[in-house]
Amino acid sequence: MSDDESDGERVRAHVYVSGRVQGVFYRATTRDTARERGVDGWVRNLDDGRVEAVFEGPRDAVEGMVEWCHTGSPSAVVENVDAEYGDPEGESGFVVRR
């Protein structure tokens, strides 16, 4: 079976989100939103209070998730989103990492 997406190249975004983003359902909301949009990858909390995420999928969907990160879950207060784009590494599905 082929995952050939002629209507849009797959890209990867590695994202760090800072602000009040832990303990406000940021990871769960990110997971649900990514799954709704057909984006693969993962999200996790970091010890320094930031959230780290990887999004892989069609460019427009991945860029949409990076934009979404600026707002995040309803209780989040996002101060900064740092995203670095690169080549996909074959993520499949979207999970919350511990």
PDB file of N, CA and C in Angstrom:
ATOM      1  N   MET A   1       0.848  -1.189   0.000  1.00  0.00           N
ATOM      2  CA  MET A   1       0.000   0.000   0.000  1.00  0.00           C
ATOM      3  C   MET A   1       0.886   1.242   0.000  1.00  0.00           C
ATOM      4  N   SER A   2       0.525   2.224  -0.793  1.00  0.00           N
ATOM      5  CA  SER A   2       1.361   3.417  -0.939  1.00  0.00           C
ATOM      6  C   SER A   2       0.766   4.604  -0.215  1.00  0.00           C
ATOM      7  N   ASP A   3       1.613   5.375   0.422  1.00  0.00           N
ATOM      8  CA  ASP A   3       1.190   6.613   1.088  1.00  0.00           C
ATOM      9  C   ASP A   3       1.532   7.815   0.221  1.00  0.00           C
ATOM     10  N   ASP A   4       1.587   7.629  -1.084  1.00  0.00           N
ATOM     11  CA  ASP A   4       1.961   8.697  -2.008  1.00  0.00           C
ATOM     12  C   ASP A   4       0.912   9.808  -1.981  1.00  0.00           C
ATOM     13  N   GLU A   5       1.340  10.996  -1.566  1.00  0.00           N
ATOM     14  CA  GLU A   5       0.410  12.128  -1.485  1.00  0.00           C
ATOM     15  C   GLU A   5       0.824  13.158  -2.520  1.00  0.00           C
ATOM     16  N   SER A   6       0.304  13.005  -3.743  1.00  0.00           N
ATOM     17  CA  SER A   6       0.718  13.886  -4.826  1.00  0.00           C
ATOM     18  C   SER A   6       0.203  15.315  -4.629  1.00  0.00           C
ATOM     19  N   ASP A   7      -0.822  15.484  -3.789  1.00  0.00           N
ATOM     20  CA  ASP A   7      -1.391  16.821  -3.615  1.00  0.00           C
ATOM     21  C   ASP A   7      -0.686  17.632  -2.528  1.00  0.00           C
ATOM     22  N   GLY A   8       0.319  17.074  -1.890  1.00  0.00           N
ATOM     23  CA  GLY A   8       1.051  17.839  -0.885  1.00  0.00           C
ATOM     24  C   GLY A   8       2.191  17.044  -0.299  1.00  0.00           C
ATOM     25  N   GLU A   9       3.378  17.637  -0.283  1.00  0.00           N
ATOM     26  CA  GLU A   9       4.527  16.923   0.260  1.00  0.00           C
ATOM     27  C   GLU A   9       4.388  16.788   1.771  1.00  0.00           C
ATOM     28  N   ARG A  10       4.945  15.715   2.312  1.00  0.00           N
ATOM     29  CA  ARG A  10       4.952  15.528   3.764  1.00  0.00           C
ATOM     30  C   ARG A  10       6.133  16.279   4.344  1.00  0.00           C
ATOM     31  N   VAL A  11       5.888  16.950   5.459  1.00  0.00           N
ATOM     32  CA  VAL A  11       6.947  17.675   6.161  1.00  0.00           C
ATOM     33  C   VAL A  11       6.893  17.309   7.634  1.00  0.00           C
ATOM     34  N   ARG A  12       7.943  17.688   8.353  1.00  0.00           N
ATOM     35  CA  ARG A  12       8.048  17.451   9.791  1.00  0.00           C
ATOM     36  C   ARG A  12       8.329  18.782  10.463  1.00  0.00           C
ATOM     37  N   ALA A  13       7.633  19.041  11.563  1.00  0.00           N
ATOM     38  CA  ALA A  13       7.918  20.224  12.381  1.00  0.00           C
ATOM     39  C   ALA A  13       8.207  19.758  13.796  1.00  0.00           C
ATOM     40  N   HIS A  14       9.341  20.195  14.338  1.00  0.00           N
ATOM     41  CA  HIS A  14       9.727  19.915  15.728  1.00  0.00           C
ATOM     42  C   HIS A  14       9.486  21.214  16.497  1.00  0.00           C
ATOM     43  N   VAL A  15       8.580  21.146  17.480  1.00  0.00           N
ATOM     44  CA  VAL A  15       8.047  22.357  18.100  1.00  0.00           C
ATOM     45  C   VAL A  15       8.294  22.351  19.607  1.00  0.00           C
ATOM     46  N   TYR A  16       8.669  23.515  20.129  1.00  0.00           N
ATOM     47  CA  TYR A  16       8.769  23.732  21.578  1.00  0.00           C
ATOM     48  C   TYR A  16       7.827  24.868  21.941  1.00  0.00           C
ATOM     49  N   VAL A  17       6.973  24.629  22.924  1.00  0.00           N
ATOM     50  CA  VAL A  17       5.977  25.622  23.331  1.00  0.00           C
ATOM     51  C   VAL A  17       6.243  25.996  24.782  1.00  0.00           C
ATOM     52  N   SER A  18       6.348  27.299  25.054  1.00  0.00           N
ATOM     53  CA  SER A  18       6.569  27.751  26.425  1.00  0.00           C
ATOM     54  C   SER A  18       5.416  28.624  26.889  1.00  0.00           C
ATOM     55  N   GLY A  19       5.306  28.753  28.208  1.00  0.00           N
ATOM     56  CA  GLY A  19       4.212  29.491  28.830  1.00  0.00           C
ATOM     57  C   GLY A  19       3.553  28.596  29.864  1.00  0.00           C
ATOM     58  N   ARG A  20       2.274  28.855  30.146  1.00  0.00           N
ATOM     59  CA  ARG A  20       1.538  27.979  31.072  1.00  0.00           C
ATOM     60  C   ARG A  20       0.902  26.886  30.215  1.00  0.00           C
ATOM     61  N   VAL A  21       1.698  25.840  29.949  1.00  0.00           N
ATOM     62  CA  VAL A  21       1.276  24.793  29.016  1.00  0.00           C
ATOM     63  C   VAL A  21       1.314  23.397  29.633  1.00  0.00           C
ATOM     64  N   GLN A  22       1.594  23.312  30.928  1.00  0.00           N
ATOM     65  CA  GLN A  22       1.538  22.021  31.609  1.00  0.00           C
ATOM     66  C   GLN A  22       0.433  22.079  32.654  1.00  0.00           C
ATOM     67  N   GLY A  23      -0.297  20.949  32.796  1.00  0.00           N
ATOM     68  CA  GLY A  23      -1.398  20.899  33.748  1.00  0.00           C
ATOM     69  C   GLY A  23      -2.650  21.595  33.264  1.00  0.00           C
ATOM     70  N   VAL A  24      -2.722  21.876  31.949  1.00  0.00           N
ATOM     71  CA  VAL A  24      -3.888  22.566  31.372  1.00  0.00           C
ATOM     72  C   VAL A  24      -4.439  21.786  30.175  1.00  0.00           C
ATOM     73  N   PHE A  25      -4.188  20.477  30.157  1.00  0.00           N
ATOM     74  CA  PHE A  25      -4.668  19.579  29.095  1.00  0.00           C
ATOM     75  C   PHE A  25      -4.093  19.923  27.722  1.00  0.00           C
ATOM     76  N   TYR A  26      -2.917  20.566  27.701  1.00  0.00           N
ATOM     77  CA  TYR A  26      -2.291  20.951  26.429  1.00  0.00           C
ATOM     78  C   TYR A  26      -1.949  19.715  25.600  1.00  0.00           C
ATOM     79  N   ARG A  27      -1.331  18.710  26.237  1.00  0.00           N
ATOM     80  CA  ARG A  27      -0.926  17.516  25.479  1.00  0.00           C
ATOM     81  C   ARG A  27      -2.123  16.767  24.920  1.00  0.00           C
ATOM     82  N   ALA A  28      -3.143  16.548  25.754  1.00  0.00           N
ATOM     83  CA  ALA A  28      -4.326  15.798  25.300  1.00  0.00           C
ATOM     84  C   ALA A  28      -5.048  16.538  24.180  1.00  0.00           C
ATOM     85  N   THR A  29      -5.144  17.855  24.303  1.00  0.00           N
ATOM     86  CA  THR A  29      -5.819  18.647  23.276  1.00  0.00           C
ATOM     87  C   THR A  29      -5.003  18.654  21.984  1.00  0.00           C
ATOM     88  N   THR A  30      -3.674  18.701  22.120  1.00  0.00           N
ATOM     89  CA  THR A  30      -2.799  18.630  20.944  1.00  0.00           C
ATOM     90  C   THR A  30      -3.001  17.297  20.236  1.00  0.00           C
ATOM     91  N   ARG A  31      -3.013  16.211  20.997  1.00  0.00           N
ATOM     92  CA  ARG A  31      -3.213  14.869  20.424  1.00  0.00           C
ATOM     93  C   ARG A  31      -4.546  14.807  19.666  1.00  0.00           C
ATOM     94  N   ASP A  32      -5.614  15.247  20.309  1.00  0.00           N
ATOM     95  CA  ASP A  32      -6.942  15.169  19.688  1.00  0.00           C
ATOM     96  C   ASP A  32      -7.009  16.015  18.415  1.00  0.00           C
ATOM     97  N   THR A  33      -6.429  17.220  18.471  1.00  0.00           N
ATOM     98  CA  THR A  33      -6.454  18.121  17.316  1.00  0.00           C
ATOM     99  C   THR A  33      -5.634  17.546  16.168  1.00  0.00           C
ATOM    100  N   ALA A  34      -4.461  17.002  16.475  1.00  0.00           N
ATOM    101  CA  ALA A  34      -3.608  16.415  15.440  1.00  0.00           C
ATOM    102  C   ALA A  34      -4.306  15.229  14.782  1.00  0.00           C
ATOM    103  N   ARG A  35      -4.944  14.388  15.582  1.00  0.00           N
ATOM    104  CA  ARG A  35      -5.653  13.228  15.020  1.00  0.00           C
ATOM    105  C   ARG A  35      -6.797  13.685  14.123  1.00  0.00           C
ATOM    106  N   GLU A  36      -7.534  14.707  14.546  1.00  0.00           N
ATOM    107  CA  GLU A  36      -8.640  15.239  13.727  1.00  0.00           C
ATOM    108  C   GLU A  36      -8.129  15.752  12.383  1.00  0.00           C
ATOM    109  N   ARG A  37      -6.925  16.301  12.374  1.00  0.00           N
ATOM    110  CA  ARG A  37      -6.369  16.912  11.158  1.00  0.00           C
ATOM    111  C   ARG A  37      -5.521  15.945  10.342  1.00  0.00           C
ATOM    112  N   GLY A  38      -5.414  14.693  10.810  1.00  0.00           N
ATOM    113  CA  GLY A  38      -4.647  13.693  10.076  1.00  0.00           C
ATOM    114  C   GLY A  38      -3.151  13.894  10.141  1.00  0.00           C
ATOM    115  N   VAL A  39      -2.672  14.447  11.262  1.00  0.00           N
ATOM    116  CA  VAL A  39      -1.244  14.705  11.439  1.00  0.00           C
ATOM    117  C   VAL A  39      -0.665  13.640  12.378  1.00  0.00           C
ATOM    118  N   ASP A  40       0.481  13.096  12.011  1.00  0.00           N
ATOM    119  CA  ASP A  40       1.171  12.092  12.831  1.00  0.00           C
ATOM    120  C   ASP A  40       2.201  12.761  13.721  1.00  0.00           C
ATOM    121  N   GLY A  41       2.640  12.038  14.773  1.00  0.00           N
ATOM    122  CA  GLY A  41       3.708  12.543  15.629  1.00  0.00           C
ATOM    123  C   GLY A  41       3.466  12.255  17.087  1.00  0.00           C
ATOM    124  N   TRP A  42       3.983  13.140  17.943  1.00  0.00           N
ATOM    125  CA  TRP A  42       3.877  12.959  19.390  1.00  0.00           C
ATOM    126  C   TRP A  42       4.017  14.288  20.115  1.00  0.00           C
ATOM    127  N   VAL A  43       3.646  14.270  21.405  1.00  0.00           N
ATOM    128  CA  VAL A  43       3.757  15.461  22.255  1.00  0.00           C
ATOM    129  C   VAL A  43       4.128  15.011  23.658  1.00  0.00           C
ATOM    130  N   ARG A  44       4.953  15.804  24.362  1.00  0.00           N
ATOM    131  CA  ARG A  44       5.324  15.457  25.740  1.00  0.00           C
ATOM    132  C   ARG A  44       5.676  16.712  26.525  1.00  0.00           C
ATOM    133  N   ASN A  45       5.603  16.593  27.861  1.00  0.00           N
ATOM    134  CA  ASN A  45       6.058  17.659  28.751  1.00  0.00           C
ATOM    135  C   ASN A  45       7.563  17.548  28.923  1.00  0.00           C
ATOM    136  N   LEU A  46       8.221  18.680  29.077  1.00  0.00           N
ATOM    137  CA  LEU A  46       9.648  18.720  29.398  1.00  0.00           C
ATOM    138  C   LEU A  46       9.820  19.170  30.846  1.00  0.00           C
ATOM    139  N   ASP A  47      10.953  18.797  31.443  1.00  0.00           N
ATOM    140  CA  ASP A  47      11.213  19.135  32.845  1.00  0.00           C
ATOM    141  C   ASP A  47      11.288  20.637  33.095  1.00  0.00           C
ATOM    142  N   ASP A  48      11.592  21.430  32.039  1.00  0.00           N
ATOM    143  CA  ASP A  48      11.732  22.883  32.222  1.00  0.00           C
ATOM    144  C   ASP A  48      10.398  23.622  32.090  1.00  0.00           C
ATOM    145  N   GLY A  49       9.287  22.868  31.976  1.00  0.00           N
ATOM    146  CA  GLY A  49       7.976  23.506  31.912  1.00  0.00           C
ATOM    147  C   GLY A  49       7.427  23.698  30.509  1.00  0.00           C
ATOM    148  N   ARG A  50       8.268  23.435  29.507  1.00  0.00           N
ATOM    149  CA  ARG A  50       7.792  23.555  28.131  1.00  0.00           C
ATOM    150  C   ARG A  50       7.119  22.265  27.681  1.00  0.00           C
ATOM    151  N   VAL A  51       6.435  22.355  26.539  1.00  0.00           N
ATOM    152  CA  VAL A  51       5.887  21.186  25.867  1.00  0.00           C
ATOM    153  C   VAL A  51       6.648  21.036  24.555  1.00  0.00           C
ATOM    154  N   GLU A  52       7.028  19.789  24.243  1.00  0.00           N
ATOM    155  CA  GLU A  52       7.718  19.477  22.993  1.00  0.00           C
ATOM    156  C   GLU A  52       6.788  18.626  22.137  1.00  0.00           C
ATOM    157  N   ALA A  53       6.745  18.913  20.833  1.00  0.00           N
ATOM    158  CA  ALA A  53       5.896  18.131  19.941  1.00  0.00           C
ATOM    159  C   ALA A  53       6.570  17.962  18.589  1.00  0.00           C
ATOM    160  N   VAL A  54       6.212  16.873  17.923  1.00  0.00           N
ATOM    161  CA  VAL A  54       6.628  16.630  16.547  1.00  0.00           C
ATOM    162  C   VAL A  54       5.366  16.385  15.739  1.00  0.00           C
ATOM    163  N   PHE A  55       5.247  17.087  14.626  1.00  0.00           N
ATOM    164  CA  PHE A  55       4.116  16.922  13.721  1.00  0.00           C
ATOM    165  C   PHE A  55       4.644  16.503  12.352  1.00  0.00           C
ATOM    166  N   GLU A  56       4.042  15.456  11.766  1.00  0.00           N
ATOM    167  CA  GLU A  56       4.381  15.046  10.406  1.00  0.00           C
ATOM    168  C   GLU A  56       3.100  14.874   9.610  1.00  0.00           C
ATOM    169  N   GLY A  57       3.139  15.347   8.365  1.00  0.00           N
ATOM    170  CA  GLY A  57       1.985  15.200   7.500  1.00  0.00           C
ATOM    171  C   GLY A  57       2.089  16.158   6.337  1.00  0.00           C
ATOM    172  N   PRO A  58       0.985  16.346   5.611  1.00  0.00           N
ATOM    173  CA  PRO A  58       0.981  17.317   4.520  1.00  0.00           C
ATOM    174  C   PRO A  58       1.345  18.711   5.049  1.00  0.00           C
ATOM    175  N   ARG A  59       2.080  19.465   4.261  1.00  0.00           N
ATOM    176  CA  ARG A  59       2.597  20.765   4.704  1.00  0.00           C
ATOM    177  C   ARG A  59       1.508  21.662   5.299  1.00  0.00           C
ATOM    178  N   ASP A  60       0.348  21.763   4.638  1.00  0.00           N
ATOM    179  CA  ASP A  60      -0.677  22.674   5.140  1.00  0.00           C
ATOM    180  C   ASP A  60      -1.224  22.217   6.495  1.00  0.00           C
ATOM    181  N   ALA A  61      -1.346  20.907   6.689  1.00  0.00           N
ATOM    182  CA  ALA A  61      -1.844  20.389   7.963  1.00  0.00           C
ATOM    183  C   ALA A  61      -0.823  20.606   9.080  1.00  0.00           C
ATOM    184  N   VAL A  62       0.459  20.386   8.771  1.00  0.00           N
ATOM    185  CA  VAL A  62       1.521  20.583   9.770  1.00  0.00           C
ATOM    186  C   VAL A  62       1.634  22.059  10.136  1.00  0.00           C
ATOM    187  N   GLU A  63       1.617  22.930   9.134  1.00  0.00           N
ATOM    188  CA  GLU A  63       1.677  24.368   9.417  1.00  0.00           C
ATOM    189  C   GLU A  63       0.469  24.804  10.234  1.00  0.00           C
ATOM    190  N   GLY A  64      -0.687  24.196   9.961  1.00  0.00           N
ATOM    191  CA  GLY A  64      -1.883  24.491  10.743  1.00  0.00           C
ATOM    192  C   GLY A  64      -1.732  24.090  12.202  1.00  0.00           C
ATOM    193  N   MET A  65      -1.069  22.951  12.455  1.00  0.00           N
ATOM    194  CA  MET A  65      -0.839  22.515  13.841  1.00  0.00           C
ATOM    195  C   MET A  65       0.136  23.450  14.549  1.00  0.00           C
ATOM    196  N   VAL A  66       1.167  23.904  13.839  1.00  0.00           N
ATOM    197  CA  VAL A  66       2.117  24.845  14.451  1.00  0.00           C
ATOM    198  C   VAL A  66       1.382  26.133  14.824  1.00  0.00           C
ATOM    199  N   GLU A  67       0.524  26.623  13.930  1.00  0.00           N
ATOM    200  CA  GLU A  67      -0.275  27.814  14.243  1.00  0.00           C
ATOM    201  C   GLU A  67      -1.188  27.557  15.436  1.00  0.00           C
ATOM    202  N   TRP A  68      -1.811  26.375  15.454  1.00  0.00           N
ATOM    203  CA  TRP A  68      -2.708  26.005  16.557  1.00  0.00           C
ATOM    204  C   TRP A  68      -1.968  26.067  17.897  1.00  0.00           C
ATOM    205  N   CYS A  69      -0.692  25.695  17.905  1.00  0.00           N
ATOM    206  CA  CYS A  69       0.104  25.675  19.137  1.00  0.00           C
ATOM    207  C   CYS A  69       0.176  27.047  19.803  1.00  0.00           C
ATOM    208  N   HIS A  70       0.028  28.123  19.031  1.00  0.00           N
ATOM    209  CA  HIS A  70       0.083  29.476  19.592  1.00  0.00           C
ATOM    210  C   HIS A  70      -1.092  29.734  20.539  1.00  0.00           C
ATOM    211  N   THR A  71      -2.172  28.973  20.390  1.00  0.00           N
ATOM    212  CA  THR A  71      -3.334  29.088  21.273  1.00  0.00           C
ATOM    213  C   THR A  71      -3.416  27.886  22.196  1.00  0.00           C
ATOM    214  N   GLY A  72      -3.399  26.705  21.612  1.00  0.00           N
ATOM    215  CA  GLY A  72      -3.418  25.471  22.398  1.00  0.00           C
ATOM    216  C   GLY A  72      -4.740  25.231  23.079  1.00  0.00           C
ATOM    217  N   SER A  73      -4.671  24.559  24.223  1.00  0.00           N
ATOM    218  CA  SER A  73      -5.895  24.223  24.954  1.00  0.00           C
ATOM    219  C   SER A  73      -6.509  25.486  25.555  1.00  0.00           C
ATOM    220  N   PRO A  74      -7.804  25.446  25.866  1.00  0.00           N
ATOM    221  CA  PRO A  74      -8.500  26.645  26.375  1.00  0.00           C
ATOM    222  C   PRO A  74      -7.857  27.270  27.619  1.00  0.00           C
ATOM    223  N   SER A  75      -7.242  26.465  28.494  1.00  0.00           N
ATOM    224  CA  SER A  75      -6.665  26.994  29.733  1.00  0.00           C
ATOM    225  C   SER A  75      -5.196  27.389  29.601  1.00  0.00           C
ATOM    226  N   ALA A  76      -4.600  27.114  28.459  1.00  0.00           N
ATOM    227  CA  ALA A  76      -3.176  27.406  28.269  1.00  0.00           C
ATOM    228  C   ALA A  76      -2.940  28.899  28.070  1.00  0.00           C
ATOM    229  N   VAL A  77      -1.747  29.344  28.488  1.00  0.00           N
ATOM    230  CA  VAL A  77      -1.287  30.700  28.197  1.00  0.00           C
ATOM    231  C   VAL A  77       0.065  30.543  27.502  1.00  0.00           C
ATOM    232  N   VAL A  78       0.040  30.583  26.176  1.00  0.00           N
ATOM    233  CA  VAL A  78       1.245  30.343  25.386  1.00  0.00           C
ATOM    234  C   VAL A  78       2.045  31.630  25.261  1.00  0.00           C
ATOM    235  N   GLU A  79       3.340  31.555  25.608  1.00  0.00           N
ATOM    236  CA  GLU A  79       4.225  32.718  25.486  1.00  0.00           C
ATOM    237  C   GLU A  79       5.061  32.665  24.222  1.00  0.00           C
ATOM    238  N   ASN A  80       5.486  31.456  23.824  1.00  0.00           N
ATOM    239  CA  ASN A  80       6.355  31.347  22.658  1.00  0.00           C
ATOM    240  C   ASN A  80       6.208  29.974  22.018  1.00  0.00           C
ATOM    241  N   VAL A  81       6.295  29.949  20.685  1.00  0.00           N
ATOM    242  CA  VAL A  81       6.308  28.701  19.928  1.00  0.00           C
ATOM    243  C   VAL A  81       7.517  28.748  19.011  1.00  0.00           C
ATOM    244  N   ASP A  82       8.417  27.778  19.169  1.00  0.00           N
ATOM    245  CA  ASP A  82       9.623  27.688  18.349  1.00  0.00           C
ATOM    246  C   ASP A  82       9.506  26.432  17.498  1.00  0.00           C
ATOM    247  N   ALA A  83       9.434  26.589  16.177  1.00  0.00           N
ATOM    248  CA  ALA A  83       9.267  25.439  15.285  1.00  0.00           C
ATOM    249  C   ALA A  83      10.416  25.356  14.297  1.00  0.00           C
ATOM    250  N   GLU A  84      10.910  24.134  14.109  1.00  0.00           N
ATOM    251  CA  GLU A  84      11.962  23.885  13.126  1.00  0.00           C
ATOM    252  C   GLU A  84      11.446  22.825  12.161  1.00  0.00           C
ATOM    253  N   TYR A  85      11.467  23.147  10.873  1.00  0.00           N
ATOM    254  CA  TYR A  85      10.956  22.225   9.858  1.00  0.00           C
ATOM    255  C   TYR A  85      12.081  21.366   9.300  1.00  0.00           C
ATOM    256  N   GLY A  86      11.713  20.126   8.923  1.00  0.00           N
ATOM    257  CA  GLY A  86      12.696  19.219   8.349  1.00  0.00           C
ATOM    258  C   GLY A  86      12.016  18.103   7.592  1.00  0.00           C
ATOM    259  N   ASP A  87      12.795  17.088   7.258  1.00  0.00           N
ATOM    260  CA  ASP A  87      12.275  15.952   6.513  1.00  0.00           C
ATOM    261  C   ASP A  87      11.559  14.989   7.450  1.00  0.00           C
ATOM    262  N   PRO A  88      10.454  14.398   6.999  1.00  0.00           N
ATOM    263  CA  PRO A  88       9.714  13.436   7.822  1.00  0.00           C
ATOM    264  C   PRO A  88      10.584  12.230   8.180  1.00  0.00           C
ATOM    265  N   GLU A  89      10.327  11.662   9.337  1.00  0.00           N
ATOM    266  CA  GLU A  89      11.069  10.485   9.792  1.00  0.00           C
ATOM    267  C   GLU A  89      10.168   9.265   9.923  1.00  0.00           C
ATOM    268  N   GLY A  90       8.944   9.363   9.390  1.00  0.00           N
ATOM    269  CA  GLY A  90       8.076   8.197   9.355  1.00  0.00           C
ATOM    270  C   GLY A  90       7.185   7.999  10.564  1.00  0.00           C
ATOM    271  N   GLU A  91       6.811   9.087  11.237  1.00  0.00           N
ATOM    272  CA  GLU A  91       5.880   8.975  12.358  1.00  0.00           C
ATOM    273  C   GLU A  91       4.560   8.402  11.857  1.00  0.00           C
ATOM    274  N   SER A  92       3.904   7.599  12.699  1.00  0.00           N
ATOM    275  CA  SER A  92       2.624   7.013  12.328  1.00  0.00           C
ATOM    276  C   SER A  92       1.691   7.094  13.526  1.00  0.00           C
ATOM    277  N   GLY A  93       0.539   7.746  13.353  1.00  0.00           N
ATOM    278  CA  GLY A  93      -0.371   7.954  14.473  1.00  0.00           C
ATOM    279  C   GLY A  93       0.101   9.125  15.307  1.00  0.00           C
ATOM    280  N   PHE A  94      -0.655   9.478  16.340  1.00  0.00           N
ATOM    281  CA  PHE A  94      -0.253  10.580  17.213  1.00  0.00           C
ATOM    282  C   PHE A  94      -0.445  10.174  18.673  1.00  0.00           C
ATOM    283  N   VAL A  95       0.616  10.279  19.465  1.00  0.00           N
ATOM    284  CA  VAL A  95       0.560   9.824  20.857  1.00  0.00           C
ATOM    285  C   VAL A  95       1.092  10.877  21.810  1.00  0.00           C
ATOM    286  N   VAL A  96       0.663  10.764  23.065  1.00  0.00           N
ATOM    287  CA  VAL A  96       1.230  11.551  24.158  1.00  0.00           C
ATOM    288  C   VAL A  96       2.357  10.717  24.743  1.00  0.00           C
ATOM    289  N   ARG A  97       3.551  11.269  24.768  1.00  0.00           N
ATOM    290  CA  ARG A  97       4.706  10.583  25.384  1.00  0.00           C
ATOM    291  C   ARG A  97       4.832  11.036  26.814  1.00  0.00           C
ATOM    292  N   ARG A  98       5.273  10.141  27.665  1.00  0.00           N
ATOM    293  CA  ARG A  98       5.491  10.466  29.083  1.00  0.00           C
ATOM    294  C   ARG A  98       6.914  10.851  29.334  1.00  0.00           C
TER     295      ARG A  98
END
